[in-house]
N, C-alpha and C. Protein backbone atom coordinates (compact mmCIF):
# COMPACT_ATOMS: atom_id res chain seq x y z
N MET A 1 25.53 11.27 22.37
CA MET A 1 25.48 10.69 23.69
C MET A 1 25.53 9.17 23.60
N LYS A 2 24.93 8.63 22.56
CA LYS A 2 24.99 7.18 22.37
C LYS A 2 26.44 6.74 22.15
N ARG A 3 27.15 7.55 21.40
CA ARG A 3 28.54 7.24 21.08
C ARG A 3 29.40 7.02 22.32
N TRP A 4 29.12 7.77 23.38
CA TRP A 4 29.91 7.66 24.60
C TRP A 4 29.29 6.75 25.64
N GLY A 5 28.17 6.09 25.28
CA GLY A 5 27.56 5.12 26.19
C GLY A 5 26.55 5.69 27.16
N TYR A 6 26.21 6.98 27.04
CA TYR A 6 25.22 7.57 27.95
C TYR A 6 23.81 7.12 27.61
N VAL A 7 23.55 6.83 26.33
CA VAL A 7 22.23 6.37 25.89
C VAL A 7 22.39 4.93 25.42
N LYS A 8 21.63 4.03 26.02
CA LYS A 8 21.80 2.60 25.73
C LYS A 8 20.91 2.10 24.59
N THR A 9 19.86 2.83 24.23
CA THR A 9 18.94 2.38 23.19
C THR A 9 19.29 3.02 21.86
N ASP A 10 18.65 2.51 20.79
CA ASP A 10 18.84 3.11 19.48
C ASP A 10 18.24 4.50 19.45
N VAL A 11 18.85 5.38 18.67
CA VAL A 11 18.40 6.76 18.59
C VAL A 11 18.03 7.08 17.14
N SER A 12 16.85 7.66 16.94
CA SER A 12 16.45 8.13 15.62
C SER A 12 16.86 9.60 15.54
N TYR A 13 18.00 9.85 14.92
CA TYR A 13 18.51 11.21 14.85
C TYR A 13 17.60 12.10 14.00
N GLU A 14 16.93 11.53 13.01
CA GLU A 14 15.97 12.30 12.21
C GLU A 14 14.80 12.76 13.08
N LYS A 15 14.31 11.88 13.96
CA LYS A 15 13.21 12.23 14.87
C LYS A 15 13.65 13.31 15.86
N VAL A 16 14.86 13.19 16.37
CA VAL A 16 15.37 14.20 17.30
C VAL A 16 15.45 15.56 16.59
N ALA A 17 15.94 15.58 15.38
CA ALA A 17 16.04 16.82 14.62
C ALA A 17 14.66 17.42 14.37
N GLU A 18 13.69 16.58 14.04
CA GLU A 18 12.33 17.07 13.81
C GLU A 18 11.73 17.67 15.09
N ASP A 19 12.01 17.05 16.23
CA ASP A 19 11.48 17.54 17.50
C ASP A 19 12.15 18.83 17.96
N VAL A 20 13.43 18.97 17.66
CA VAL A 20 14.19 20.13 18.14
C VAL A 20 14.06 21.31 17.19
N PHE A 21 14.21 21.05 15.90
CA PHE A 21 14.16 22.12 14.91
C PHE A 21 12.72 22.20 14.40
N LEU A 22 11.97 23.14 14.92
CA LEU A 22 10.55 23.24 14.61
C LEU A 22 10.33 23.92 13.26
N THR A 23 10.07 23.11 12.24
CA THR A 23 9.94 23.64 10.88
C THR A 23 8.76 24.58 10.75
N THR A 24 7.69 24.35 11.50
CA THR A 24 6.53 25.24 11.43
C THR A 24 6.91 26.65 11.87
N ALA A 25 7.65 26.75 12.95
CA ALA A 25 8.07 28.06 13.44
C ALA A 25 8.99 28.74 12.42
N CYS A 26 9.86 27.96 11.80
CA CYS A 26 10.77 28.51 10.79
C CYS A 26 10.00 28.97 9.56
N ARG A 27 9.01 28.19 9.13
CA ARG A 27 8.19 28.59 7.99
C ARG A 27 7.46 29.90 8.29
N ASP A 28 6.91 30.02 9.48
CA ASP A 28 6.22 31.25 9.88
C ASP A 28 7.17 32.44 9.88
N ALA A 29 8.38 32.23 10.40
CA ALA A 29 9.37 33.31 10.44
C ALA A 29 9.78 33.74 9.04
N MET A 30 9.94 32.77 8.14
CA MET A 30 10.30 33.09 6.76
C MET A 30 9.18 33.87 6.08
N LYS A 31 7.94 33.45 6.33
CA LYS A 31 6.78 34.16 5.77
C LYS A 31 6.74 35.60 6.26
N ALA A 32 7.06 35.78 7.55
CA ALA A 32 7.00 37.10 8.15
C ALA A 32 7.98 38.09 7.52
N VAL A 33 9.09 37.56 6.98
CA VAL A 33 10.07 38.44 6.34
C VAL A 33 9.99 38.37 4.82
N GLY A 34 8.91 37.75 4.31
CA GLY A 34 8.68 37.74 2.87
C GLY A 34 9.47 36.70 2.08
N GLN A 35 9.95 35.66 2.74
CA GLN A 35 10.70 34.61 2.06
C GLN A 35 9.83 33.38 1.84
N LYS A 36 10.12 32.60 0.78
CA LYS A 36 9.41 31.36 0.51
C LYS A 36 10.14 30.22 1.20
N ALA A 37 9.41 29.46 1.97
CA ALA A 37 9.99 28.31 2.67
C ALA A 37 10.15 27.14 1.70
N PRO A 38 11.14 26.28 1.91
CA PRO A 38 11.31 25.10 1.07
C PRO A 38 10.09 24.17 1.18
N ASP A 39 9.85 23.39 0.12
CA ASP A 39 8.71 22.47 0.11
C ASP A 39 8.94 21.28 1.05
N ALA A 40 10.18 20.82 1.17
CA ALA A 40 10.49 19.64 1.99
C ALA A 40 11.21 20.05 3.26
N ASN A 41 11.05 19.25 4.31
CA ASN A 41 11.73 19.51 5.58
C ASN A 41 13.16 19.01 5.58
N THR A 42 13.44 17.98 4.79
CA THR A 42 14.79 17.42 4.72
C THR A 42 15.19 17.22 3.27
N VAL A 43 16.49 17.14 3.04
CA VAL A 43 17.02 16.90 1.71
C VAL A 43 17.98 15.74 1.82
N LYS A 44 17.88 14.79 0.91
CA LYS A 44 18.77 13.63 0.92
C LYS A 44 20.01 13.95 0.08
N HIS A 45 21.17 13.69 0.63
CA HIS A 45 22.44 13.93 -0.07
C HIS A 45 23.15 12.60 -0.27
N THR A 46 23.89 12.50 -1.34
CA THR A 46 24.73 11.32 -1.54
C THR A 46 26.17 11.80 -1.67
N VAL A 47 27.07 11.01 -1.15
CA VAL A 47 28.49 11.34 -1.17
C VAL A 47 29.17 10.45 -2.19
N SER A 48 29.89 11.07 -3.10
CA SER A 48 30.61 10.32 -4.12
C SER A 48 31.98 9.92 -3.58
N THR A 49 32.38 8.69 -3.84
CA THR A 49 33.68 8.22 -3.37
C THR A 49 34.69 8.16 -4.51
N ALA A 50 34.33 8.76 -5.63
CA ALA A 50 35.23 8.71 -6.81
C ALA A 50 36.40 9.62 -6.66
C-alpha cells in the first residue's frame, strides 16, 4: 500500500507480519498434530549475486 501512495508513513513489514501471522497459534496447531515447531519465528536469508 505504501508503494502506491495509500500509506504515507514508514511501514515495519516485520511488525505487520508478526501481528498478522500469529506464531503462538501456529505452534499450538503444530503441537496438536504432533509436530515440533521451529525455535525461531523468522529466518534471515542472504541472496548471492555471483
